[in-house]
Amino acid sequence: MASTNPLVVILTYNNLCMFEYAIALEIFALPRPEIDTWYDYKIVSVNQAKITAGLGNVMVNASTDLNTLLEASLIIVPGWDGEASADLKRVLRQANQQGVRIATICSGVFLPAQCGLLDGKNVTTHWRYTDKLQAEFPQTKVNPDVLYVDEGTILTSAGSAAGIDLCLHIVRNDFGSETANSVARRLVLPVHREGGQAQFIPKPTLKTNDRFSPFLDEIRTKLNENWPIERMSDVIGMSPRTLLRRFKNSTGETPLAWLTLERVSLARELLETTTNNVDQIAIAAGFRSPELLRLHFKRHFKVSPLTYRAQFQR
């Protein structure tokens, strides 16, 4: 019997970007017996059946049947190098017209751009390539300051590790936050970074031995409580001014923005795993009213809490 699992096709090419390719394999191709439903995957080369990666002379074996792209639920472009063939452009356009999602990592954005699939769309790429992308494809709307952009059937990410964030975002949309969090934990990664976060963070992100780690863990266990800056200052033993500076340096967010992200993430988990109504979830997640929960939830996830529950409740 044919598989009903969504099919992910990973494109390969000569001088393949190995890190970006490894991201796609790690997220979508690695067997996950702990998860009931998962992806199937195929590797398709746009060149010959055996291609050489850009680093280390690693050989990759792949199918050369471009029509496989038409069977996919998702096509991953892990970087890109060169000009697409006429056949590849034709098949990618046809696949996207059929509703197949195309997700790009780093310079992979140049492939759908060459196909005319990014015209009028908001996109991103590694900060090193944003000016080049905008100059070569002026009909695109390039945002250099975000980790990833989801335009429905076109999803683009910034450089390198931002591809992990985009892939986890896709898993979250397909299977819910509980599954995405499980994958992130296995990768020893934060469970969620918003696509709108900046590519640059002035100081290193949170370290496991940072004094903020237990501090943030304590807040996470008490998200239903009020956390004004004065309370945070007392708990961690810093002045409000020092706390604001250190918080931003350690997490990349202001305290209020971080709290909001944690609260909507908790609300999403409760929508998936409980039968509590929106009023109860708002209280549990620390929102002053269900209206405020709905506002922030829709702002972050583009759907209402009840619409999300209808799709992802377990």
C-alpha atoms as a PDB file:
ATOM      1  CA  MET A   1       0.000   0.000   0.000  1.00  0.00           C
ATOM      2  CA  ALA A   2       1.331   3.439  -0.913  1.00  0.00           C
ATOM      3  CA  SER A   3       2.536   5.589   1.954  1.00  0.00           C
ATOM      4  CA  THR A   4       0.307   8.429   3.087  1.00  0.00           C
ATOM      5  CA  ASN A   5       3.172  10.249   4.810  1.00  0.00           C
ATOM      6  CA  PRO A   6       4.050  13.655   3.336  1.00  0.00           C
ATOM      7  CA  LEU A   7       6.953  13.352   0.901  1.00  0.00           C
ATOM      8  CA  VAL A   8       9.944  15.673   1.258  1.00  0.00           C
ATOM      9  CA  VAL A   9      12.223  15.939  -1.761  1.00  0.00           C
ATOM     10  CA  ILE A  10      15.710  17.293  -1.078  1.00  0.00           C
ATOM     11  CA  LEU A  11      17.411  18.786  -4.118  1.00  0.00           C
ATOM     12  CA  THR A  12      21.122  18.191  -4.661  1.00  0.00           C
ATOM     13  CA  TYR A  13      23.559  19.673  -7.164  1.00  0.00           C
ATOM     14  CA  ASN A  14      27.277  19.866  -7.860  1.00  0.00           C
ATOM     15  CA  ASN A  15      29.157  21.823  -5.186  1.00  0.00           C
ATOM     16  CA  LEU A  16      26.324  21.021  -2.790  1.00  0.00           C
ATOM     17  CA  CYS A  17      26.303  23.052   0.441  1.00  0.00           C
ATOM     18  CA  MET A  18      26.883  20.261   2.951  1.00  0.00           C
ATOM     19  CA  PHE A  19      25.692  22.008   6.121  1.00  0.00           C
ATOM     20  CA  GLU A  20      22.393  23.043   4.559  1.00  0.00           C
ATOM     21  CA  TYR A  21      21.977  19.562   3.048  1.00  0.00           C
ATOM     22  CA  ALA A  22      22.668  17.986   6.449  1.00  0.00           C
ATOM     23  CA  ILE A  23      19.973  20.174   8.032  1.00  0.00           C
ATOM     24  CA  ALA A  24      17.382  18.815   5.614  1.00  0.00           C
ATOM     25  CA  LEU A  25      18.495  15.228   6.213  1.00  0.00           C
ATOM     26  CA  GLU A  26      18.589  15.605   9.984  1.00  0.00           C
ATOM     27  CA  ILE A  27      15.137  17.156  10.254  1.00  0.00           C
ATOM     28  CA  PHE A  28      13.180  15.286   7.584  1.00  0.00           C
ATOM     29  CA  ALA A  29      15.059  12.055   6.757  1.00  0.00           C
ATOM     30  CA  LEU A  30      16.181  10.774  10.141  1.00  0.00           C
ATOM     31  CA  PRO A  31      13.915   7.929  11.344  1.00  0.00           C
ATOM     32  CA  ARG A  32      11.834   8.967  14.347  1.00  0.00           C
ATOM     33  CA  PRO A  33      10.160   5.851  15.775  1.00  0.00           C
ATOM     34  CA  GLU A  34       8.953   7.853  18.762  1.00  0.00           C
ATOM     35  CA  ILE A  35       6.656   9.840  16.441  1.00  0.00           C
ATOM     36  CA  ASP A  36       3.615   8.061  15.028  1.00  0.00           C
ATOM     37  CA  THR A  37       3.448   9.854  11.669  1.00  0.00           C
ATOM     38  CA  TRP A  38       6.499  11.272   9.956  1.00  0.00           C
ATOM     39  CA  TYR A  39       7.821  12.228   6.555  1.00  0.00           C
ATOM     40  CA  ASP A  40       9.021  10.094   3.699  1.00  0.00           C
ATOM     41  CA  TYR A  41      11.927  11.555   1.763  1.00  0.00           C
ATOM     42  CA  LYS A  42      13.708  11.284  -1.562  1.00  0.00           C
ATOM     43  CA  ILE A  43      16.943  12.855  -2.765  1.00  0.00           C
ATOM     44  CA  VAL A  44      16.903  14.215  -6.303  1.00  0.00           C
ATOM     45  CA  SER A  45      19.898  15.551  -8.203  1.00  0.00           C
ATOM     46  CA  VAL A  46      19.533  18.315 -10.759  1.00  0.00           C
ATOM     47  CA  ASN A  47      22.782  17.120 -12.368  1.00  0.00           C
ATOM     48  CA  GLN A  48      24.010  13.535 -12.558  1.00  0.00           C
ATOM     49  CA  ALA A  49      23.206  10.623 -10.259  1.00  0.00           C
ATOM     50  CA  LYS A  50      26.488  11.036  -8.364  1.00  0.00           C
ATOM     51  CA  ILE A  51      27.358  14.559  -7.316  1.00  0.00           C
ATOM     52  CA  THR A  52      30.240  15.981  -5.316  1.00  0.00           C
ATOM     53  CA  ALA A  53      29.642  18.220  -2.333  1.00  0.00           C
ATOM     54  CA  GLY A  54      31.409  21.554  -2.102  1.00  0.00           C
ATOM     55  CA  LEU A  55      33.459  20.577   0.956  1.00  0.00           C
ATOM     56  CA  GLY A  56      35.313  17.369   1.664  1.00  0.00           C
ATOM     57  CA  ASN A  57      34.694  15.796  -1.767  1.00  0.00           C
ATOM     58  CA  VAL A  58      31.746  13.887  -0.319  1.00  0.00           C
ATOM     59  CA  MET A  59      29.860  11.878  -2.930  1.00  0.00           C
ATOM     60  CA  VAL A  60      26.057  11.873  -2.827  1.00  0.00           C
ATOM     61  CA  ASN A  61      23.940   9.366  -4.738  1.00  0.00           C
ATOM     62  CA  ALA A  62      20.564  10.617  -5.896  1.00  0.00           C
ATOM     63  CA  SER A  63      17.773  10.078  -8.381  1.00  0.00           C
ATOM     64  CA  THR A  64      17.812  12.267 -11.489  1.00  0.00           C
ATOM     65  CA  ASP A  65      14.046  12.038 -12.096  1.00  0.00           C
ATOM     66  CA  LEU A  66      12.868  15.649 -11.788  1.00  0.00           C
ATOM     67  CA  ASN A  67       9.236  14.527 -12.046  1.00  0.00           C
ATOM     68  CA  THR A  68       9.621  13.272  -8.469  1.00  0.00           C
ATOM     69  CA  LEU A  69       9.243  16.924  -7.471  1.00  0.00           C
ATOM     70  CA  LEU A  70       5.634  16.803  -8.649  1.00  0.00           C
ATOM     71  CA  GLU A  71       4.880  14.055  -6.099  1.00  0.00           C
ATOM     72  CA  ALA A  72       6.245  16.040  -3.162  1.00  0.00           C
ATOM     73  CA  SER A  73       4.501  17.811  -0.334  1.00  0.00           C
ATOM     74  CA  LEU A  74       7.661  19.818   0.274  1.00  0.00           C
ATOM     75  CA  ILE A  75      10.817  20.546  -1.749  1.00  0.00           C
ATOM     76  CA  ILE A  76      13.939  21.611   0.145  1.00  0.00           C
ATOM     77  CA  VAL A  77      16.605  23.650  -1.656  1.00  0.00           C
ATOM     78  CA  PRO A  78      19.717  23.473   0.579  1.00  0.00           C
ATOM     79  CA  GLY A  79      21.689  26.338  -0.922  1.00  0.00           C
ATOM     80  CA  TRP A  80      22.169  26.856  -4.638  1.00  0.00           C
ATOM     81  CA  ASP A  81      24.987  27.372  -7.108  1.00  0.00           C
ATOM     82  CA  GLY A  82      24.625  28.332 -10.761  1.00  0.00           C
ATOM     83  CA  GLU A  83      21.830  28.690 -13.272  1.00  0.00           C
ATOM     84  CA  ALA A  84      18.838  26.352 -13.280  1.00  0.00           C
ATOM     85  CA  SER A  85      18.146  24.309 -16.387  1.00  0.00           C
ATOM     86  CA  ALA A  86      14.984  24.905 -18.394  1.00  0.00           C
ATOM     87  CA  ASP A  87      13.644  21.489 -17.320  1.00  0.00           C
ATOM     88  CA  LEU A  88      14.219  22.224 -13.635  1.00  0.00           C
ATOM     89  CA  LYS A  89      12.525  25.606 -13.898  1.00  0.00           C
ATOM     90  CA  ARG A  90       9.543  24.065 -15.666  1.00  0.00           C
ATOM     91  CA  VAL A  91       9.087  21.304 -13.108  1.00  0.00           C
ATOM     92  CA  LEU A  92       9.522  23.638 -10.116  1.00  0.00           C
ATOM     93  CA  ARG A  93       6.943  26.062 -11.514  1.00  0.00           C
ATOM     94  CA  GLN A  94       4.519  23.219 -12.167  1.00  0.00           C
ATOM     95  CA  ALA A  95       5.032  21.753  -8.698  1.00  0.00           C
ATOM     96  CA  ASN A  96       4.477  25.086  -7.001  1.00  0.00           C
ATOM     97  CA  GLN A  97       1.363  25.734  -9.081  1.00  0.00           C
ATOM     98  CA  GLN A  98       0.051  22.384  -7.824  1.00  0.00           C
ATOM     99  CA  GLY A  99       0.532  23.563  -4.247  1.00  0.00           C
ATOM    100  CA  VAL A 100       3.879  21.924  -3.491  1.00  0.00           C
ATOM    101  CA  ARG A 101       5.784  23.972  -0.927  1.00  0.00           C
ATOM    102  CA  ILE A 102       9.317  25.082  -1.757  1.00  0.00           C
ATOM    103  CA  ALA A 103      11.574  25.832   1.217  1.00  0.00           C
ATOM    104  CA  THR A 104      15.015  27.353   0.726  1.00  0.00           C
ATOM    105  CA  ILE A 105      17.992  27.514   3.054  1.00  0.00           C
ATOM    106  CA  CYS A 106      20.566  30.282   2.684  1.00  0.00           C
ATOM    107  CA  SER A 107      21.470  30.815  -1.012  1.00  0.00           C
ATOM    108  CA  GLY A 108      18.815  28.267  -2.036  1.00  0.00           C
ATOM    109  CA  VAL A 109      16.497  31.240  -2.503  1.00  0.00           C
ATOM    110  CA  PHE A 110      18.163  31.981  -5.846  1.00  0.00           C
ATOM    111  CA  LEU A 111      16.662  28.858  -7.436  1.00  0.00           C
ATOM    112  CA  PRO A 112      12.950  29.768  -7.079  1.00  0.00           C
ATOM    113  CA  ALA A 113      13.935  33.353  -7.879  1.00  0.00           C
ATOM    114  CA  GLN A 114      15.315  32.155 -11.224  1.00  0.00           C
ATOM    115  CA  CYS A 115      11.968  30.440 -11.797  1.00  0.00           C
ATOM    116  CA  GLY A 116      10.038  33.667 -11.222  1.00  0.00           C
ATOM    117  CA  LEU A 117       8.354  32.184  -8.152  1.00  0.00           C
ATOM    118  CA  LEU A 118       9.407  34.981  -5.788  1.00  0.00           C
ATOM    119  CA  ASP A 119       7.999  37.939  -7.717  1.00  0.00           C
ATOM    120  CA  GLY A 120       6.023  40.127  -5.326  1.00  0.00           C
ATOM    121  CA  LYS A 121       6.789  37.875  -2.365  1.00  0.00           C
ATOM    122  CA  ASN A 122       8.509  38.642   0.925  1.00  0.00           C
ATOM    123  CA  VAL A 123      11.699  36.581   1.186  1.00  0.00           C
ATOM    124  CA  THR A 124      14.988  36.425   3.032  1.00  0.00           C
ATOM    125  CA  THR A 125      18.424  34.895   2.673  1.00  0.00           C
ATOM    126  CA  HIS A 126      21.829  35.069   4.348  1.00  0.00           C
ATOM    127  CA  TRP A 127      22.751  38.678   5.028  1.00  0.00           C
ATOM    128  CA  ARG A 128      25.740  38.332   2.667  1.00  0.00           C
ATOM    129  CA  TYR A 129      23.405  37.693  -0.282  1.00  0.00           C
ATOM    130  CA  THR A 130      20.502  40.071   0.383  1.00  0.00           C
ATOM    131  CA  ASP A 131      21.818  42.928  -1.750  1.00  0.00           C
ATOM    132  CA  LYS A 132      22.696  40.556  -4.593  1.00  0.00           C
ATOM    133  CA  LEU A 133      19.257  38.932  -4.451  1.00  0.00           C
ATOM    134  CA  GLN A 134      17.464  42.277  -4.525  1.00  0.00           C
ATOM    135  CA  ALA A 135      19.629  43.579  -7.371  1.00  0.00           C
ATOM    136  CA  GLU A 136      19.213  40.485  -9.546  1.00  0.00           C
ATOM    137  CA  PHE A 137      15.516  39.992  -8.787  1.00  0.00           C
ATOM    138  CA  PRO A 138      14.031  43.447  -8.129  1.00  0.00           C
ATOM    139  CA  GLN A 139      10.451  42.099  -8.119  1.00  0.00           C
ATOM    140  CA  THR A 140      11.135  40.305  -4.836  1.00  0.00           C
ATOM    141  CA  LYS A 141      10.725  41.964  -1.438  1.00  0.00           C
ATOM    142  CA  VAL A 142      13.927  41.045   0.366  1.00  0.00           C
ATOM    143  CA  ASN A 143      13.952  41.345   4.150  1.00  0.00           C
ATOM    144  CA  PRO A 144      17.534  41.100   5.426  1.00  0.00           C
ATOM    145  CA  ASP A 145      16.622  41.279   9.105  1.00  0.00           C
ATOM    146  CA  VAL A 146      14.696  38.061   9.796  1.00  0.00           C
ATOM    147  CA  LEU A 147      15.457  34.375  10.293  1.00  0.00           C
ATOM    148  CA  TYR A 148      12.818  33.054   7.908  1.00  0.00           C
ATOM    149  CA  VAL A 149       9.702  34.044   5.977  1.00  0.00           C
ATOM    150  CA  ASP A 150       6.641  31.864   5.408  1.00  0.00           C
ATOM    151  CA  GLU A 151       4.641  32.913   2.336  1.00  0.00           C
ATOM    152  CA  GLY A 152       2.525  29.783   2.201  1.00  0.00           C
ATOM    153  CA  THR A 153       3.946  27.688  -0.620  1.00  0.00           C
ATOM    154  CA  ILE A 154       7.235  29.617  -0.643  1.00  0.00           C
ATOM    155  CA  LEU A 155       9.341  29.553   2.524  1.00  0.00           C
ATOM    156  CA  THR A 156      12.794  31.127   2.709  1.00  0.00           C
ATOM    157  CA  SER A 157      15.403  31.253   5.452  1.00  0.00           C
ATOM    158  CA  ALA A 158      18.512  33.195   6.275  1.00  0.00           C
ATOM    159  CA  GLY A 159      21.958  31.671   6.437  1.00  0.00           C
ATOM    160  CA  SER A 160      22.998  28.297   7.752  1.00  0.00           C
ATOM    161  CA  ALA A 161      21.483  27.637  11.202  1.00  0.00           C
ATOM    162  CA  ALA A 162      18.369  29.701  10.402  1.00  0.00           C
ATOM    163  CA  GLY A 163      17.494  26.808   8.120  1.00  0.00           C
ATOM    164  CA  ILE A 164      16.990  24.679  11.220  1.00  0.00           C
ATOM    165  CA  ASP A 165      14.493  27.226  12.534  1.00  0.00           C
ATOM    166  CA  LEU A 166      12.607  27.164   9.242  1.00  0.00           C
ATOM    167  CA  CYS A 167      12.520  23.364   9.141  1.00  0.00           C
ATOM    168  CA  LEU A 168      11.231  23.193  12.717  1.00  0.00           C
ATOM    169  CA  HIS A 169       8.600  25.781  11.761  1.00  0.00           C
ATOM    170  CA  ILE A 170       7.492  23.488   8.932  1.00  0.00           C
ATOM    171  CA  VAL A 171       7.324  20.486  11.272  1.00  0.00           C
ATOM    172  CA  ARG A 172       5.285  22.576  13.701  1.00  0.00           C
ATOM    173  CA  ASN A 173       2.822  23.545  10.960  1.00  0.00           C
ATOM    174  CA  ASP A 174       2.527  19.951   9.733  1.00  0.00           C
ATOM    175  CA  PHE A 175       2.420  18.019  13.007  1.00  0.00           C
ATOM    176  CA  GLY A 176       1.999  20.547  15.838  1.00  0.00           C
ATOM    177  CA  SER A 177       4.271  22.060  18.442  1.00  0.00           C
ATOM    178  CA  GLU A 178       4.608  18.918  20.577  1.00  0.00           C
ATOM    179  CA  THR A 179       6.227  17.044  17.701  1.00  0.00           C
ATOM    180  CA  ALA A 180       8.390  20.019  16.710  1.00  0.00           C
ATOM    181  CA  ASN A 181       9.525  20.416  20.308  1.00  0.00           C
ATOM    182  CA  SER A 182      10.444  16.730  20.433  1.00  0.00           C
ATOM    183  CA  VAL A 183      12.610  17.134  17.327  1.00  0.00           C
ATOM    184  CA  ALA A 184      14.208  20.284  18.752  1.00  0.00           C
ATOM    185  CA  ARG A 185      15.005  18.560  22.046  1.00  0.00           C
ATOM    186  CA  ARG A 186      16.682  15.711  20.186  1.00  0.00           C
ATOM    187  CA  LEU A 187      18.812  18.326  18.419  1.00  0.00           C
ATOM    188  CA  VAL A 188      19.486  20.040  21.786  1.00  0.00           C
ATOM    189  CA  LEU A 189      18.011  23.277  20.446  1.00  0.00           C
ATOM    190  CA  PRO A 190      15.605  25.916  21.731  1.00  0.00           C
ATOM    191  CA  VAL A 191      12.078  24.755  20.999  1.00  0.00           C
ATOM    192  CA  HIS A 192      11.136  27.824  18.988  1.00  0.00           C
ATOM    193  CA  ARG A 193      12.612  30.959  17.466  1.00  0.00           C
ATOM    194  CA  GLU A 194      10.224  33.314  15.706  1.00  0.00           C
ATOM    195  CA  GLY A 195      10.907  33.915  12.029  1.00  0.00           C
ATOM    196  CA  GLY A 196      10.835  37.649  12.673  1.00  0.00           C
ATOM    197  CA  GLN A 197      13.845  37.565  14.966  1.00  0.00           C
ATOM    198  CA  ALA A 198      16.870  39.433  13.684  1.00  0.00           C
ATOM    199  CA  GLN A 199      19.699  37.548  11.965  1.00  0.00           C
ATOM    200  CA  PHE A 200      22.112  39.433  14.202  1.00  0.00           C
ATOM    201  CA  ILE A 201      22.107  39.285  18.009  1.00  0.00           C
ATOM    202  CA  PRO A 202      24.614  41.726  19.538  1.00  0.00           C
ATOM    203  CA  LYS A 203      25.978  39.261  22.078  1.00  0.00           C
ATOM    204  CA  PRO A 204      25.990  35.451  22.181  1.00  0.00           C
ATOM    205  CA  THR A 205      22.634  33.847  22.860  1.00  0.00           C
ATOM    206  CA  LEU A 206      21.857  32.163  26.134  1.00  0.00           C
ATOM    207  CA  LYS A 207      24.555  29.820  27.448  1.00  0.00           C
ATOM    208  CA  THR A 208      23.667  26.818  29.555  1.00  0.00           C
ATOM    209  CA  ASN A 209      25.912  28.027  32.376  1.00  0.00           C
ATOM    210  CA  ASP A 210      24.568  31.566  32.232  1.00  0.00           C
ATOM    211  CA  ARG A 211      22.920  32.690  35.471  1.00  0.00           C
ATOM    212  CA  PHE A 212      19.851  33.468  33.373  1.00  0.00           C
ATOM    213  CA  SER A 213      19.170  29.776  32.743  1.00  0.00           C
ATOM    214  CA  PRO A 214      17.691  28.938  36.179  1.00  0.00           C
ATOM    215  CA  PHE A 215      16.093  32.383  36.283  1.00  0.00           C
ATOM    216  CA  LEU A 216      14.235  31.811  33.016  1.00  0.00           C
ATOM    217  CA  ASP A 217      13.321  28.278  34.056  1.00  0.00           C
ATOM    218  CA  GLU A 218      11.705  29.666  37.195  1.00  0.00           C
ATOM    219  CA  ILE A 219       9.623  32.118  35.171  1.00  0.00           C
ATOM    220  CA  ARG A 220       8.532  29.341  32.810  1.00  0.00           C
ATOM    221  CA  THR A 221       7.095  27.396  35.742  1.00  0.00           C
ATOM    222  CA  LYS A 222       5.106  30.463  36.828  1.00  0.00           C
ATOM    223  CA  LEU A 223       3.923  32.021  33.582  1.00  0.00           C
ATOM    224  CA  ASN A 224       0.444  32.409  35.037  1.00  0.00           C
ATOM    225  CA  GLU A 225       1.845  34.940  37.507  1.00  0.00           C
ATOM    226  CA  ASN A 226       2.598  38.609  36.972  1.00  0.00           C
ATOM    227  CA  TRP A 227       6.245  39.335  36.124  1.00  0.00           C
ATOM    228  CA  PRO A 228       6.920  43.072  36.190  1.00  0.00           C
ATOM    229  CA  ILE A 229      10.518  44.140  35.736  1.00  0.00           C
ATOM    230  CA  GLU A 230      10.770  44.929  39.455  1.00  0.00           C
ATOM    231  CA  ARG A 231       9.947  41.347  40.406  1.00  0.00           C
ATOM    232  CA  MET A 232      12.438  40.003  37.892  1.00  0.00           C
ATOM    233  CA  SER A 233      15.095  42.310  39.319  1.00  0.00           C
ATOM    234  CA  ASP A 234      14.458  41.091  42.851  1.00  0.00           C
ATOM    235  CA  VAL A 235      14.575  37.423  41.832  1.00  0.00           C
ATOM    236  CA  ILE A 236      17.850  37.649  39.943  1.00  0.00           C
ATOM    237  CA  GLY A 237      19.437  40.298  42.145  1.00  0.00           C
ATOM    238  CA  MET A 238      20.081  43.010  39.557  1.00  0.00           C
ATOM    239  CA  SER A 239      18.963  46.567  39.086  1.00  0.00           C
ATOM    240  CA  PRO A 240      16.171  47.000  36.503  1.00  0.00           C
ATOM    241  CA  ARG A 241      18.555  48.783  34.133  1.00  0.00           C
ATOM    242  CA  THR A 242      21.181  46.032  34.366  1.00  0.00           C
ATOM    243  CA  LEU A 243      18.521  43.347  33.998  1.00  0.00           C
ATOM    244  CA  LEU A 244      17.139  44.911  30.824  1.00  0.00           C
ATOM    245  CA  ARG A 245      20.599  45.040  29.265  1.00  0.00           C
ATOM    246  CA  ARG A 246      21.614  41.529  30.337  1.00  0.00           C
ATOM    247  CA  PHE A 247      18.261  40.032  29.363  1.00  0.00           C
ATOM    248  CA  LYS A 248      18.544  41.356  25.825  1.00  0.00           C
ATOM    249  CA  ASN A 249      22.154  40.247  25.545  1.00  0.00           C
ATOM    250  CA  SER A 250      21.384  36.744  26.840  1.00  0.00           C
ATOM    251  CA  THR A 251      18.117  35.983  25.040  1.00  0.00           C
ATOM    252  CA  GLY A 252      17.980  38.377  22.099  1.00  0.00           C
ATOM    253  CA  GLU A 253      14.615  39.645  23.377  1.00  0.00           C
ATOM    254  CA  THR A 254      13.272  42.228  25.811  1.00  0.00           C
ATOM    255  CA  PRO A 255      11.665  40.741  28.951  1.00  0.00           C
ATOM    256  CA  LEU A 256       8.172  41.612  27.698  1.00  0.00           C
ATOM    257  CA  ALA A 257       8.748  40.112  24.234  1.00  0.00           C
ATOM    258  CA  TRP A 258      10.276  36.970  25.759  1.00  0.00           C
ATOM    259  CA  LEU A 259       7.385  36.574  28.191  1.00  0.00           C
ATOM    260  CA  THR A 260       4.862  36.941  25.382  1.00  0.00           C
ATOM    261  CA  LEU A 261       6.617  34.294  23.285  1.00  0.00           C
ATOM    262  CA  GLU A 262       6.740  31.887  26.224  1.00  0.00           C
ATOM    263  CA  ARG A 263       3.072  32.485  27.018  1.00  0.00           C
ATOM    264  CA  VAL A 264       1.806  31.946  23.474  1.00  0.00           C
ATOM    265  CA  SER A 265       3.963  28.821  23.252  1.00  0.00           C
ATOM    266  CA  LEU A 266       2.408  27.485  26.454  1.00  0.00           C
ATOM    267  CA  ALA A 267      -1.057  28.387  25.171  1.00  0.00           C
ATOM    268  CA  ARG A 268      -0.364  26.500  21.961  1.00  0.00           C
ATOM    269  CA  GLU A 269       0.749  23.427  23.907  1.00  0.00           C
ATOM    270  CA  LEU A 270      -2.380  23.557  26.066  1.00  0.00           C
ATOM    271  CA  LEU A 271      -4.587  23.876  22.991  1.00  0.00           C
ATOM    272  CA  GLU A 272      -2.998  20.698  21.623  1.00  0.00           C
ATOM    273  CA  THR A 273      -2.934  18.620  24.774  1.00  0.00           C
ATOM    274  CA  THR A 274      -5.938  19.659  26.898  1.00  0.00           C
ATOM    275  CA  THR A 275      -9.659  20.286  26.525  1.00  0.00           C
ATOM    276  CA  ASN A 276      -9.502  23.524  28.525  1.00  0.00           C
ATOM    277  CA  ASN A 277     -11.425  26.401  26.996  1.00  0.00           C
ATOM    278  CA  VAL A 278      -9.749  29.609  25.812  1.00  0.00           C
ATOM    279  CA  ASP A 279     -10.579  31.463  29.031  1.00  0.00           C
ATOM    280  CA  GLN A 280      -8.898  28.767  31.137  1.00  0.00           C
ATOM    281  CA  ILE A 281      -5.871  28.636  28.835  1.00  0.00           C
ATOM    282  CA  ALA A 282      -5.493  32.411  28.928  1.00  0.00           C
ATOM    283  CA  ILE A 283      -5.338  32.307  32.736  1.00  0.00           C
ATOM    284  CA  ALA A 284      -2.898  29.373  32.772  1.00  0.00           C
ATOM    285  CA  ALA A 285      -0.586  31.096  30.279  1.00  0.00           C
ATOM    286  CA  GLY A 286      -0.600  34.420  32.107  1.00  0.00           C
ATOM    287  CA  PHE A 287      -2.732  36.549  29.805  1.00  0.00           C
ATOM    288  CA  ARG A 288      -5.010  39.014  31.550  1.00  0.00           C
ATOM    289  CA  SER A 289      -7.936  38.159  29.298  1.00  0.00           C
ATOM    290  CA  PRO A 290      -8.905  35.684  26.559  1.00  0.00           C
ATOM    291  CA  GLU A 291      -9.033  38.637  24.157  1.00  0.00           C
ATOM    292  CA  LEU A 292      -5.369  39.351  24.814  1.00  0.00           C
ATOM    293  CA  LEU A 293      -4.516  35.694  24.226  1.00  0.00           C
ATOM    294  CA  ARG A 294      -6.399  35.718  20.920  1.00  0.00           C
ATOM    295  CA  LEU A 295      -4.620  38.903  19.846  1.00  0.00           C
ATOM    296  CA  HIS A 296      -1.109  37.603  20.514  1.00  0.00           C
ATOM    297  CA  PHE A 297      -1.866  34.087  19.288  1.00  0.00           C
ATOM    298  CA  LYS A 298      -3.141  35.293  15.928  1.00  0.00           C
ATOM    299  CA  ARG A 299      -0.247  37.731  15.626  1.00  0.00           C
ATOM    300  CA  HIS A 300       2.272  34.914  16.068  1.00  0.00           C
ATOM    301  CA  PHE A 301       0.545  31.958  14.387  1.00  0.00           C
ATOM    302  CA  LYS A 302      -1.773  33.687  11.895  1.00  0.00           C
ATOM    303  CA  VAL A 303      -4.821  31.722  13.090  1.00  0.00           C
ATOM    304  CA  SER A 304      -7.170  31.931  16.051  1.00  0.00           C
ATOM    305  CA  PRO A 305      -6.668  29.606  19.041  1.00  0.00           C
ATOM    306  CA  LEU A 306      -9.766  27.554  18.183  1.00  0.00           C
ATOM    307  CA  THR A 307      -8.770  27.188  14.543  1.00  0.00           C
ATOM    308  CA  TYR A 308      -5.350  25.989  15.677  1.00  0.00           C
ATOM    309  CA  ARG A 309      -6.921  23.500  18.108  1.00  0.00           C
ATOM    310  CA  ALA A 310      -9.178  22.094  15.395  1.00  0.00           C
ATOM    311  CA  GLN A 311      -6.105  21.305  13.323  1.00  0.00           C
ATOM    312  CA  PHE A 312      -3.636  20.097  15.944  1.00  0.00           C
ATOM    313  CA  GLN A 313      -5.413  18.862  19.079  1.00  0.00           C
ATOM    314  CA  ARG A 314      -4.179  15.384  20.017  1.00  0.00           C
END
